[in-house]
C-alpha atoms as a PDB file:
ATOM      1  CA  MET A   1    -122.046-238.981-131.319  1.00  0.00           C
ATOM      2  CA  PRO A   2    -120.950-235.355-130.836  1.00  0.00           C
ATOM      3  CA  THR A   3    -117.269-234.664-130.272  1.00  0.00           C
ATOM      4  CA  GLN A   4    -116.667-233.314-126.796  1.00  0.00           C
ATOM      5  CA  ILE A   5    -114.302-230.312-126.906  1.00  0.00           C
ATOM      6  CA  ALA A   6    -112.941-228.645-123.770  1.00  0.00           C
ATOM      7  CA  VAL A   7    -112.188-224.977-124.496  1.00  0.00           C
ATOM      8  CA  ASP A   8    -110.073-222.682-122.361  1.00  0.00           C
ATOM      9  CA  ALA A   9    -112.348-219.645-122.247  1.00  0.00           C
ATOM     10  CA  MET A  10    -109.655-217.530-120.588  1.00  0.00           C
ATOM     11  CA  GLY A  11    -106.948-218.211-123.167  1.00  0.00           C
ATOM     12  CA  GLY A  12    -105.745-215.374-125.370  1.00  0.00           C
ATOM     13  CA  ASP A  13    -105.416-211.614-125.393  1.00  0.00           C
ATOM     14  CA  HIS A  14    -109.127-211.048-126.021  1.00  0.00           C
ATOM     15  CA  ALA A  15    -110.638-213.716-123.783  1.00  0.00           C
ATOM     16  CA  PRO A  16    -113.239-214.564-122.755  1.00  0.00           C
ATOM     17  CA  ASP A  17    -115.529-212.608-125.117  1.00  0.00           C
ATOM     18  CA  VAL A  18    -114.005-213.697-128.438  1.00  0.00           C
ATOM     19  CA  VAL A  19    -113.598-217.264-127.191  1.00  0.00           C
ATOM     20  CA  VAL A  20    -117.297-217.601-126.435  1.00  0.00           C
ATOM     21  CA  GLU A  21    -118.125-215.941-129.754  1.00  0.00           C
ATOM     22  CA  GLY A  22    -115.823-218.328-131.607  1.00  0.00           C
ATOM     23  CA  VAL A  23    -117.223-221.362-129.805  1.00  0.00           C
ATOM     24  CA  ALA A  24    -120.745-220.304-130.750  1.00  0.00           C
ATOM     25  CA  ALA A  25    -119.700-219.958-134.401  1.00  0.00           C
ATOM     26  CA  ALA A  26    -118.130-223.420-134.368  1.00  0.00           C
ATOM     27  CA  LEU A  27    -121.244-224.978-132.849  1.00  0.00           C
ATOM     28  CA  LYS A  28    -123.441-223.220-135.384  1.00  0.00           C
ATOM     29  CA  SER A  29    -121.334-224.526-138.274  1.00  0.00           C
ATOM     30  CA  ARG A  30    -121.509-228.137-137.020  1.00  0.00           C
ATOM     31  CA  PRO A  31    -125.061-228.611-135.702  1.00  0.00           C
ATOM     32  CA  GLY A  32    -125.373-231.799-133.707  1.00  0.00           C
ATOM     33  CA  GLU A  33    -121.699-232.703-134.153  1.00  0.00           C
ATOM     34  CA  LEU A  34    -120.083-230.817-131.271  1.00  0.00           C
ATOM     35  CA  ASP A  35    -120.495-230.275-127.557  1.00  0.00           C
ATOM     36  CA  VAL A  36    -118.298-227.792-125.691  1.00  0.00           C
ATOM     37  CA  TRP A  37    -117.030-227.755-122.126  1.00  0.00           C
ATOM     38  CA  LEU A  38    -116.126-224.133-121.418  1.00  0.00           C
ATOM     39  CA  THR A  39    -113.580-223.708-118.632  1.00  0.00           C
ATOM     40  CA  GLY A  40    -113.122-220.446-116.748  1.00  0.00           C
ATOM     41  CA  PRO A  41    -114.740-218.381-113.968  1.00  0.00           C
ATOM     42  CA  ALA A  42    -118.406-219.387-114.042  1.00  0.00           C
ATOM     43  CA  ASP A  43    -119.667-215.947-113.047  1.00  0.00           C
ATOM     44  CA  GLN A  44    -118.096-214.365-116.139  1.00  0.00           C
ATOM     45  CA  LEU A  45    -118.866-217.139-118.588  1.00  0.00           C
ATOM     46  CA  SER A  46    -122.484-217.621-117.573  1.00  0.00           C
ATOM     47  CA  VAL A  47    -123.264-214.013-118.497  1.00  0.00           C
ATOM     48  CA  LEU A  48    -121.700-214.415-121.941  1.00  0.00           C
ATOM     49  CA  VAL A  49    -123.290-217.781-122.666  1.00  0.00           C
ATOM     50  CA  ALA A  50    -126.714-216.448-121.647  1.00  0.00           C
ATOM     51  CA  GLN A  51    -126.506-213.987-124.544  1.00  0.00           C
ATOM     52  CA  LEU A  52    -126.283-216.785-127.124  1.00  0.00           C
ATOM     53  CA  ASP A  53    -129.132-218.453-128.982  1.00  0.00           C
ATOM     54  CA  PRO A  54    -130.894-221.080-126.835  1.00  0.00           C
ATOM     55  CA  GLU A  55    -129.928-223.943-129.154  1.00  0.00           C
ATOM     56  CA  ILE A  56    -126.257-222.940-128.852  1.00  0.00           C
ATOM     57  CA  GLN A  57    -126.508-222.569-125.083  1.00  0.00           C
ATOM     58  CA  ALA A  58    -127.764-226.142-124.887  1.00  0.00           C
ATOM     59  CA  LYS A  59    -124.502-227.384-126.396  1.00  0.00           C
ATOM     60  CA  ILE A  60    -122.257-225.590-123.872  1.00  0.00           C
ATOM     61  CA  ARG A  61    -121.401-226.654-120.339  1.00  0.00           C
ATOM     62  CA  VAL A  62    -119.603-224.125-118.167  1.00  0.00           C
ATOM     63  CA  VAL A  63    -117.084-225.726-115.811  1.00  0.00           C
ATOM     64  CA  ASP A  64    -116.080-223.319-113.062  1.00  0.00           C
ATOM     65  CA  SER A  65    -112.321-222.732-113.117  1.00  0.00           C
ATOM     66  CA  PRO A  66    -111.673-219.676-110.952  1.00  0.00           C
ATOM     67  CA  ASP A  67    -107.901-219.525-111.499  1.00  0.00           C
ATOM     68  CA  VAL A  68    -106.480-217.899-114.614  1.00  0.00           C
ATOM     69  CA  ILE A  69    -102.918-218.370-115.885  1.00  0.00           C
ATOM     70  CA  GLY A  70    -101.629-215.192-117.473  1.00  0.00           C
ATOM     71  CA  MET A  71     -99.791-215.127-120.785  1.00  0.00           C
ATOM     72  CA  ASP A  72     -96.526-214.080-119.124  1.00  0.00           C
ATOM     73  CA  GLU A  73     -96.589-216.393-116.110  1.00  0.00           C
ATOM     74  CA  ALA A  74     -93.959-219.092-115.686  1.00  0.00           C
ATOM     75  CA  PRO A  75     -95.701-222.317-116.774  1.00  0.00           C
ATOM     76  CA  ALA A  76     -94.396-224.689-114.098  1.00  0.00           C
ATOM     77  CA  VAL A  77     -95.045-222.263-111.246  1.00  0.00           C
ATOM     78  CA  ALA A  78     -98.502-221.339-112.520  1.00  0.00           C
ATOM     79  CA  LEU A  79     -99.611-224.958-112.914  1.00  0.00           C
ATOM     80  CA  LYS A  80     -98.542-225.815-109.378  1.00  0.00           C
ATOM     81  CA  SER A  81     -99.977-222.700-107.761  1.00  0.00           C
ATOM     82  CA  LYS A  82    -103.226-222.625-109.757  1.00  0.00           C
ATOM     83  CA  PRO A  83    -104.678-226.157-109.832  1.00  0.00           C
ATOM     84  CA  LYS A  84    -108.130-224.771-110.647  1.00  0.00           C
ATOM     85  CA  SER A  85    -107.012-222.833-113.709  1.00  0.00           C
ATOM     86  CA  SER A  86    -108.967-223.056-116.946  1.00  0.00           C
ATOM     87  CA  ILE A  87    -106.019-224.896-118.539  1.00  0.00           C
ATOM     88  CA  HIS A  88    -105.646-227.386-115.693  1.00  0.00           C
ATOM     89  CA  VAL A  89    -109.377-228.110-115.512  1.00  0.00           C
ATOM     90  CA  GLY A  90    -109.756-228.431-119.283  1.00  0.00           C
ATOM     91  CA  LEU A  91    -106.944-230.947-119.558  1.00  0.00           C
ATOM     92  CA  GLY A  92    -108.397-232.742-116.562  1.00  0.00           C
ATOM     93  CA  LEU A  93    -111.641-233.227-118.481  1.00  0.00           C
ATOM     94  CA  CYS A  94    -109.628-235.008-121.170  1.00  0.00           C
ATOM     95  CA  LYS A  95    -107.834-237.126-118.591  1.00  0.00           C
ATOM     96  CA  ALA A  96    -111.179-238.123-117.071  1.00  0.00           C
ATOM     97  CA  GLY A  97    -112.566-239.096-120.479  1.00  0.00           C
ATOM     98  CA  LYS A  98    -115.269-236.425-120.446  1.00  0.00           C
ATOM     99  CA  ALA A  99    -113.686-234.418-123.270  1.00  0.00           C
ATOM    100  CA  ASP A 100    -112.143-235.745-126.480  1.00  0.00           C
ATOM    101  CA  ALA A 101    -109.918-232.707-127.004  1.00  0.00           C
ATOM    102  CA  PHE A 102    -108.652-229.564-125.335  1.00  0.00           C
ATOM    103  CA  VAL A 103    -107.972-226.257-127.094  1.00  0.00           C
ATOM    104  CA  SER A 104    -106.457-223.054-125.763  1.00  0.00           C
ATOM    105  CA  ALA A 105    -105.107-219.772-127.107  1.00  0.00           C
ATOM    106  CA  GLY A 106    -103.566-219.083-123.729  1.00  0.00           C
ATOM    107  CA  ASN A 107    -100.111-219.497-122.233  1.00  0.00           C
ATOM    108  CA  THR A 108     -98.384-221.901-124.649  1.00  0.00           C
ATOM    109  CA  GLY A 109     -95.855-223.141-122.139  1.00  0.00           C
ATOM    110  CA  ALA A 110     -98.560-223.834-119.567  1.00  0.00           C
ATOM    111  CA  VAL A 111    -100.645-225.787-122.086  1.00  0.00           C
ATOM    112  CA  MET A 112     -97.644-227.874-123.127  1.00  0.00           C
ATOM    113  CA  ALA A 113     -96.459-228.496-119.580  1.00  0.00           C
ATOM    114  CA  GLY A 114    -100.001-229.212-118.435  1.00  0.00           C
ATOM    115  CA  ALA A 115    -100.566-231.680-121.257  1.00  0.00           C
ATOM    116  CA  LEU A 116     -97.412-233.587-120.327  1.00  0.00           C
ATOM    117  CA  PHE A 117     -98.196-233.516-116.608  1.00  0.00           C
ATOM    118  CA  ILE A 118    -101.915-234.277-116.768  1.00  0.00           C
ATOM    119  CA  ILE A 119    -102.531-236.500-119.804  1.00  0.00           C
ATOM    120  CA  GLY A 120     -98.953-237.627-120.461  1.00  0.00           C
ATOM    121  CA  ARG A 121     -97.107-238.836-123.533  1.00  0.00           C
ATOM    122  CA  LEU A 122     -98.118-241.616-125.878  1.00  0.00           C
ATOM    123  CA  PRO A 123     -96.118-244.834-125.468  1.00  0.00           C
ATOM    124  CA  GLY A 124     -92.931-244.706-127.490  1.00  0.00           C
ATOM    125  CA  VAL A 125     -92.850-240.904-127.757  1.00  0.00           C
ATOM    126  CA  SER A 126     -89.799-239.234-126.226  1.00  0.00           C
ATOM    127  CA  ARG A 127     -90.856-235.647-126.903  1.00  0.00           C
ATOM    128  CA  PRO A 128     -94.226-234.334-128.054  1.00  0.00           C
ATOM    129  CA  THR A 129     -93.966-231.714-130.755  1.00  0.00           C
ATOM    130  CA  ALA A 130     -95.948-228.805-132.162  1.00  0.00           C
ATOM    131  CA  ILE A 131     -96.266-228.289-135.896  1.00  0.00           C
ATOM    132  CA  GLY A 132     -96.533-225.165-138.026  1.00  0.00           C
ATOM    133  CA  TYR A 133     -98.206-224.643-141.400  1.00  0.00           C
ATOM    134  CA  PHE A 134     -96.261-223.207-144.325  1.00  0.00           C
ATOM    135  CA  PRO A 135     -98.132-222.280-147.517  1.00  0.00           C
ATOM    136  CA  THR A 136     -96.465-223.364-150.765  1.00  0.00           C
ATOM    137  CA  LEU A 137     -97.122-223.193-154.500  1.00  0.00           C
ATOM    138  CA  LYS A 138     -98.776-226.610-154.306  1.00  0.00           C
ATOM    139  CA  GLY A 139    -100.702-226.421-151.042  1.00  0.00           C
ATOM    140  CA  THR A 140     -99.435-226.541-147.483  1.00  0.00           C
ATOM    141  CA  THR A 141     -96.314-228.040-145.944  1.00  0.00           C
ATOM    142  CA  ILE A 142     -96.165-228.743-142.234  1.00  0.00           C
ATOM    143  CA  LEU A 143     -93.046-227.760-140.342  1.00  0.00           C
ATOM    144  CA  VAL A 144     -92.086-229.817-137.323  1.00  0.00           C
ATOM    145  CA  ASP A 145     -90.785-228.738-134.793  1.00  0.00           C
ATOM    146  CA  VAL A 146     -91.588-225.029-134.490  1.00  0.00           C
ATOM    147  CA  GLY A 147     -90.204-224.222-131.068  1.00  0.00           C
ATOM    148  CA  THR A 148     -91.369-226.915-128.679  1.00  0.00           C
ATOM    149  CA  ASN A 149     -87.987-228.628-128.696  1.00  0.00           C
ATOM    150  CA  VAL A 150     -84.915-226.464-129.197  1.00  0.00           C
ATOM    151  CA  GLY A 151     -82.213-228.979-128.282  1.00  0.00           C
ATOM    152  CA  CYS A 152     -82.869-232.222-130.163  1.00  0.00           C
ATOM    153  CA  LYS A 153     -81.201-235.552-130.836  1.00  0.00           C
ATOM    154  CA  PRO A 154     -81.461-237.345-134.186  1.00  0.00           C
ATOM    155  CA  GLU A 155     -83.953-239.864-132.831  1.00  0.00           C
ATOM    156  CA  HIS A 156     -86.234-237.018-131.747  1.00  0.00           C
ATOM    157  CA  LEU A 157     -86.346-235.617-135.277  1.00  0.00           C
ATOM    158  CA  VAL A 158     -87.178-239.077-136.620  1.00  0.00           C
ATOM    159  CA  GLN A 159     -90.106-239.274-134.220  1.00  0.00           C
ATOM    160  CA  PHE A 160     -91.255-235.824-135.332  1.00  0.00           C
ATOM    161  CA  ALA A 161     -91.170-237.042-138.928  1.00  0.00           C
ATOM    162  CA  ARG A 162     -93.219-240.145-138.163  1.00  0.00           C
ATOM    163  CA  MET A 163     -95.848-238.246-136.189  1.00  0.00           C
ATOM    164  CA  GLY A 164     -95.995-235.454-138.757  1.00  0.00           C
ATOM    165  CA  ALA A 165     -96.524-237.940-141.562  1.00  0.00           C
ATOM    166  CA  VAL A 166     -99.490-239.453-139.718  1.00  0.00           C
ATOM    167  CA  TYR A 167    -101.052-236.025-139.218  1.00  0.00           C
ATOM    168  CA  VAL A 168    -100.640-235.017-142.867  1.00  0.00           C
ATOM    169  CA  GLU A 169    -102.076-238.300-144.101  1.00  0.00           C
ATOM    170  CA  LYS A 170    -105.066-238.392-141.749  1.00  0.00           C
ATOM    171  CA  VAL A 171    -105.991-234.703-141.517  1.00  0.00           C
ATOM    172  CA  MET A 172    -104.687-233.181-144.736  1.00  0.00           C
ATOM    173  CA  GLY A 173    -105.447-236.155-146.962  1.00  0.00           C
ATOM    174  CA  ALA A 174    -101.976-236.700-148.431  1.00  0.00           C
ATOM    175  CA  ASP A 175    -101.356-240.236-149.676  1.00  0.00           C
ATOM    176  CA  ASN A 176     -97.927-241.526-148.632  1.00  0.00           C
ATOM    177  CA  PRO A 177     -96.755-238.044-147.543  1.00  0.00           C
ATOM    178  CA  SER A 178     -93.207-237.077-148.412  1.00  0.00           C
ATOM    179  CA  VAL A 179     -90.766-236.158-145.643  1.00  0.00           C
ATOM    180  CA  GLY A 180     -87.793-233.839-146.057  1.00  0.00           C
ATOM    181  CA  LEU A 181     -85.030-232.757-143.701  1.00  0.00           C
ATOM    182  CA  LEU A 182     -84.449-229.002-143.664  1.00  0.00           C
ATOM    183  CA  ASN A 183     -80.749-228.479-144.285  1.00  0.00           C
ATOM    184  CA  VAL A 184     -78.104-226.199-145.793  1.00  0.00           C
ATOM    185  CA  GLY A 185     -77.644-228.394-148.890  1.00  0.00           C
ATOM    186  CA  GLU A 186     -79.242-231.260-150.780  1.00  0.00           C
ATOM    187  CA  GLU A 187     -76.378-233.738-150.508  1.00  0.00           C
ATOM    188  CA  PRO A 188     -76.515-236.388-147.727  1.00  0.00           C
ATOM    189  CA  GLY A 189     -73.227-235.214-146.235  1.00  0.00           C
ATOM    190  CA  LYS A 190     -74.337-231.612-145.742  1.00  0.00           C
ATOM    191  CA  GLY A 191     -75.133-229.934-142.427  1.00  0.00           C
ATOM    192  CA  ASP A 192     -74.022-230.252-138.840  1.00  0.00           C
ATOM    193  CA  ASP A 193     -73.748-233.491-136.869  1.00  0.00           C
ATOM    194  CA  LEU A 194     -77.456-233.415-136.007  1.00  0.00           C
ATOM    195  CA  ALA A 195     -78.475-233.104-139.656  1.00  0.00           C
ATOM    196  CA  LYS A 196     -76.057-235.787-140.863  1.00  0.00           C
ATOM    197  CA  SER A 197     -77.083-238.300-138.202  1.00  0.00           C
ATOM    198  CA  THR A 198     -80.781-237.568-138.689  1.00  0.00           C
ATOM    199  CA  TYR A 199     -80.444-238.030-142.445  1.00  0.00           C
ATOM    200  CA  ALA A 200     -78.926-241.479-141.941  1.00  0.00           C
ATOM    201  CA  LEU A 201     -81.735-242.555-139.594  1.00  0.00           C
ATOM    202  CA  LEU A 202     -84.504-241.238-141.829  1.00  0.00           C
ATOM    203  CA  ASP A 203     -82.968-242.874-144.892  1.00  0.00           C
ATOM    204  CA  GLU A 204     -83.086-246.242-143.140  1.00  0.00           C
ATOM    205  CA  ARG A 205     -86.809-246.151-142.426  1.00  0.00           C
ATOM    206  CA  SER A 206     -88.994-248.086-144.844  1.00  0.00           C
ATOM    207  CA  ASP A 207     -92.165-246.647-143.293  1.00  0.00           C
ATOM    208  CA  LEU A 208     -91.338-243.091-144.351  1.00  0.00           C
ATOM    209  CA  ASN A 209     -91.333-241.568-147.818  1.00  0.00           C
ATOM    210  CA  PHE A 210     -88.075-239.742-147.173  1.00  0.00           C
ATOM    211  CA  VAL A 211     -87.052-237.472-150.065  1.00  0.00           C
ATOM    212  CA  GLY A 212     -83.763-236.252-148.584  1.00  0.00           C
ATOM    213  CA  ASN A 213     -82.474-232.840-147.606  1.00  0.00           C
ATOM    214  CA  VAL A 214     -84.452-229.713-148.454  1.00  0.00           C
ATOM    215  CA  GLU A 215     -82.835-226.298-148.770  1.00  0.00           C
ATOM    216  CA  GLY A 216     -84.634-223.171-147.630  1.00  0.00           C
ATOM    217  CA  ARG A 217     -85.155-221.975-151.203  1.00  0.00           C
ATOM    218  CA  GLU A 218     -87.199-225.092-151.976  1.00  0.00           C
ATOM    219  CA  VAL A 219     -89.686-224.735-149.127  1.00  0.00           C
ATOM    220  CA  MET A 220     -92.136-222.626-151.130  1.00  0.00           C
ATOM    221  CA  ASN A 221     -91.923-225.098-154.018  1.00  0.00           C
ATOM    222  CA  HIS A 222     -93.406-227.780-151.766  1.00  0.00           C
ATOM    223  CA  ALA A 223     -90.308-229.951-151.698  1.00  0.00           C
ATOM    224  CA  ALA A 224     -91.993-232.159-149.090  1.00  0.00           C
ATOM    225  CA  ASP A 225     -95.312-232.560-147.293  1.00  0.00           C
ATOM    226  CA  VAL A 226     -93.501-232.721-143.948  1.00  0.00           C
ATOM    227  CA  LEU A 227     -90.381-230.668-143.235  1.00  0.00           C
ATOM    228  CA  VAL A 228     -88.369-231.766-140.214  1.00  0.00           C
ATOM    229  CA  CYS A 229     -86.003-229.605-138.157  1.00  0.00           C
ATOM    230  CA  ASP A 230     -85.286-228.773-134.543  1.00  0.00           C
ATOM    231  CA  GLY A 231     -87.399-226.152-132.827  1.00  0.00           C
ATOM    232  CA  PHE A 232     -84.748-223.437-133.029  1.00  0.00           C
ATOM    233  CA  VAL A 233     -84.615-223.505-136.820  1.00  0.00           C
ATOM    234  CA  GLY A 234     -88.328-224.209-137.205  1.00  0.00           C
ATOM    235  CA  ASN A 235     -89.435-221.279-135.090  1.00  0.00           C
ATOM    236  CA  ILE A 236     -87.255-218.859-137.032  1.00  0.00           C
ATOM    237  CA  LEU A 237     -88.621-220.097-140.369  1.00  0.00           C
ATOM    238  CA  LEU A 238     -92.209-220.004-139.123  1.00  0.00           C
ATOM    239  CA  LYS A 239     -91.904-216.459-137.801  1.00  0.00           C
ATOM    240  CA  TYR A 240     -90.291-215.370-141.049  1.00  0.00           C
ATOM    241  CA  GLY A 241     -93.226-216.843-142.957  1.00  0.00           C
ATOM    242  CA  GLU A 242     -95.685-215.008-140.729  1.00  0.00           C
ATOM    243  CA  SER A 243     -93.886-211.745-141.410  1.00  0.00           C
ATOM    244  CA  LEU A 244     -94.433-212.119-145.152  1.00  0.00           C
ATOM    245  CA  ALA A 245     -98.185-211.730-144.690  1.00  0.00           C
ATOM    246  CA  SER A 246     -97.709-208.157-143.459  1.00  0.00           C
ATOM    247  CA  SER A 247     -94.486-207.029-145.132  1.00  0.00           C
ATOM    248  CA  LEU A 248     -95.102-208.108-148.734  1.00  0.00           C
ATOM    249  CA  PRO A 249     -98.395-206.186-149.158  1.00  0.00           C
ATOM    250  CA  ARG A 250     -96.712-203.047-147.804  1.00  0.00           C
ATOM    251  CA  MET A 251     -93.771-203.435-150.164  1.00  0.00           C
ATOM    252  CA  ILE A 252     -96.049-204.022-153.150  1.00  0.00           C
ATOM    253  CA  GLY A 253     -98.246-201.094-152.102  1.00  0.00           C
ATOM    254  CA  GLU A 254     -95.217-198.800-152.085  1.00  0.00           C
ATOM    255  CA  GLU A 255     -94.250-200.053-155.524  1.00  0.00           C
ATOM    256  CA  MET A 256     -97.757-199.452-156.906  1.00  0.00           C
ATOM    257  CA  HIS A 257     -97.599-195.860-155.730  1.00  0.00           C
ATOM    258  CA  ARG A 258     -94.147-195.455-157.229  1.00  0.00           C
ATOM    259  CA  LEU A 259     -95.492-196.680-160.574  1.00  0.00           C
ATOM    260  CA  GLN A 260     -98.441-194.271-160.216  1.00  0.00           C
ATOM    261  CA  MET A 261    -100.963-197.007-160.838  1.00  0.00           C
ATOM    262  CA  THR A 262    -104.609-196.001-161.099  1.00  0.00           C
ATOM    263  CA  PRO A 263    -107.044-196.820-158.272  1.00  0.00           C
ATOM    264  CA  GLU A 264    -108.647-199.439-160.520  1.00  0.00           C
ATOM    265  CA  GLU A 265    -105.302-201.125-161.151  1.00  0.00           C
ATOM    266  CA  MET A 266    -104.448-201.030-157.468  1.00  0.00           C
ATOM    267  CA  SER A 267    -107.799-202.608-156.642  1.00  0.00           C
ATOM    268  CA  ILE A 268    -107.120-205.568-158.951  1.00  0.00           C
ATOM    269  CA  VAL A 269    -103.663-206.119-157.489  1.00  0.00           C
ATOM    270  CA  GLY A 270    -105.071-205.731-153.989  1.00  0.00           C
ATOM    271  CA  LYS A 271    -107.594-208.511-154.539  1.00  0.00           C
ATOM    272  CA  ALA A 272    -104.845-210.857-155.700  1.00  0.00           C
ATOM    273  CA  LEU A 273    -102.725-209.930-152.689  1.00  0.00           C
ATOM    274  CA  SER A 274    -105.592-210.613-150.306  1.00  0.00           C
ATOM    275  CA  GLY A 275    -105.811-214.161-151.577  1.00  0.00           C
ATOM    276  CA  VAL A 276    -102.092-214.732-151.149  1.00  0.00           C
ATOM    277  CA  LYS A 277    -102.083-213.134-147.706  1.00  0.00           C
ATOM    278  CA  ALA A 278    -104.863-215.455-146.544  1.00  0.00           C
ATOM    279  CA  ARG A 279    -102.615-218.444-147.137  1.00  0.00           C
ATOM    280  CA  PHE A 280    -100.230-217.137-144.473  1.00  0.00           C
ATOM    281  CA  ASP A 281    -102.953-216.197-141.992  1.00  0.00           C
ATOM    282  CA  TYR A 282    -102.844-218.350-138.845  1.00  0.00           C
ATOM    283  CA  LYS A 283    -106.543-217.686-138.347  1.00  0.00           C
ATOM    284  CA  GLU A 284    -107.359-219.965-141.271  1.00  0.00           C
ATOM    285  CA  PHE A 285    -105.733-222.920-139.499  1.00  0.00           C
ATOM    286  CA  GLY A 286    -106.926-222.024-136.007  1.00  0.00           C
ATOM    287  CA  GLY A 287    -103.927-223.404-134.224  1.00  0.00           C
ATOM    288  CA  ALA A 288    -101.314-226.140-134.056  1.00  0.00           C
ATOM    289  CA  PRO A 289    -101.738-229.632-132.633  1.00  0.00           C
ATOM    290  CA  LEU A 290     -99.397-230.930-129.975  1.00  0.00           C
ATOM    291  CA  LEU A 291     -98.472-234.322-131.429  1.00  0.00           C
ATOM    292  CA  GLY A 292     -97.349-237.153-129.172  1.00  0.00           C
ATOM    293  CA  VAL A 293     -99.463-236.491-126.099  1.00  0.00           C
ATOM    294  CA  ASN A 294    -102.048-239.026-124.991  1.00  0.00           C
ATOM    295  CA  GLY A 295    -105.005-237.131-126.428  1.00  0.00           C
ATOM    296  CA  THR A 296    -105.871-234.247-128.710  1.00  0.00           C
ATOM    297  CA  VAL A 297    -104.501-230.843-127.702  1.00  0.00           C
ATOM    298  CA  PHE A 298    -104.496-227.737-129.909  1.00  0.00           C
ATOM    299  CA  ILE A 299    -102.675-224.499-129.165  1.00  0.00           C
ATOM    300  CA  GLY A 300    -103.973-221.273-130.685  1.00  0.00           C
ATOM    301  CA  HIS A 301    -102.331-217.898-131.262  1.00  0.00           C
ATOM    302  CA  GLY A 302    -102.511-215.516-128.317  1.00  0.00           C
ATOM    303  CA  SER A 303    -104.079-212.792-130.452  1.00  0.00           C
ATOM    304  CA  SER A 304    -106.803-215.073-131.812  1.00  0.00           C
ATOM    305  CA  ASP A 305    -110.115-213.476-132.690  1.00  0.00           C
ATOM    306  CA  ALA A 306    -113.475-215.251-132.853  1.00  0.00           C
ATOM    307  CA  TYR A 307    -112.817-216.561-136.369  1.00  0.00           C
ATOM    308  CA  ALA A 308    -109.517-218.119-135.274  1.00  0.00           C
ATOM    309  CA  ILE A 309    -111.172-219.682-132.212  1.00  0.00           C
ATOM    310  CA  LYS A 310    -113.885-221.154-134.417  1.00  0.00           C
ATOM    311  CA  ASN A 311    -111.274-222.776-136.653  1.00  0.00           C
ATOM    312  CA  LEU A 312    -109.292-223.900-133.610  1.00  0.00           C
ATOM    313  CA  VAL A 313    -112.303-225.841-132.317  1.00  0.00           C
ATOM    314  CA  LEU A 314    -113.096-227.298-135.751  1.00  0.00           C
ATOM    315  CA  ALA A 315    -109.474-228.368-136.271  1.00  0.00           C
ATOM    316  CA  ALA A 316    -109.525-230.256-132.977  1.00  0.00           C
ATOM    317  CA  ASP A 317    -112.811-231.885-133.949  1.00  0.00           C
ATOM    318  CA  LYS A 318    -111.313-233.122-137.234  1.00  0.00           C
ATOM    319  CA  MET A 319    -108.242-234.516-135.507  1.00  0.00           C
ATOM    320  CA  VAL A 320    -110.462-236.438-133.093  1.00  0.00           C
ATOM    321  CA  ARG A 321    -112.676-237.812-135.858  1.00  0.00           C
ATOM    322  CA  GLU A 322    -109.641-238.907-137.889  1.00  0.00           C
ATOM    323  CA  GLN A 323    -108.263-240.715-134.807  1.00  0.00           C
ATOM    324  CA  VAL A 324    -104.835-239.151-135.216  1.00  0.00           C
ATOM    325  CA  SER A 325    -103.610-239.766-131.667  1.00  0.00           C
ATOM    326  CA  SER A 326    -104.507-243.448-131.691  1.00  0.00           C
ATOM    327  CA  THR A 327    -102.869-243.855-135.099  1.00  0.00           C
ATOM    328  CA  ILE A 328     -99.697-242.189-133.840  1.00  0.00           C
ATOM    329  CA  ALA A 329     -99.736-244.559-130.874  1.00  0.00           C
ATOM    330  CA  GLU A 330     -99.926-247.543-133.233  1.00  0.00           C
ATOM    331  CA  VAL A 331     -97.120-246.207-135.424  1.00  0.00           C
ATOM    332  CA  MET A 332     -94.814-245.362-132.532  1.00  0.00           C
ATOM    333  CA  SER A 333     -95.288-248.771-130.898  1.00  0.00           C
ATOM    334  CA  ALA A 334     -94.510-250.658-134.110  1.00  0.00           C
END
């Protein structure tokens, strides 16, 4: 049976054109496996959908959502004043059981607040959390939390670890994923009160493969499959990682010119750099799941292009098929 994905057509800096283009690419790559509910102003979306191949059009349902929440609008105010927004309607499709997942590259705060208000939290979850992807020498580490929760208690970080471990095992295929606590030193007694208390709680859990504290210098060495921290620290680390994708090539380019390398030599180095840069590119992952809500919700980057939207839809499809949310519910109720 095809996975039903509700897509916020008005989400992102380049919506709705690139969203429709990305949706079409996702449908084309998974023939017969996806259906899409496209939320947004029907008059705009119908024109764009009519330009697609007939077989792709048949897999898209436009759900009229005349209100649009801007990227800079206050989430709580926008949700209350715009009940027919593309975000509100899309999440409502999930609540009604018509859609299996909702994805949006729109206002992050509105998506998060809407998910909590409309579909709610899973039983046993105090705070849903968003993850980030961090490329390493051995693959990809997930970072949790990356800004959803700035002020955390130790028990919140433990929940993040448990939910993150489920996601890595089900979606990324890691067997018995390792969990590390991001800290200023490796020893158990290092860090502030939050880190020390969290360490003690994580160390007590027999259901987690806790490997201890992880220093910042060990992140790229893949010290753990899941790195846990509060959203303040996680967001800083994630943004720093994103900056490497643009700053390192420029620095290496300057050095190549300084060394007066030939165009042929520069071309070889450039190809290697392109491969490394791709590992840091958010477009490859599509977006980040919001773990702990009663359903599947993915949040994309505001500057997403069609390729990123395609991967955003496919990532949500995989999370649905791997039954991540139901598995988290089982784990958190145990």
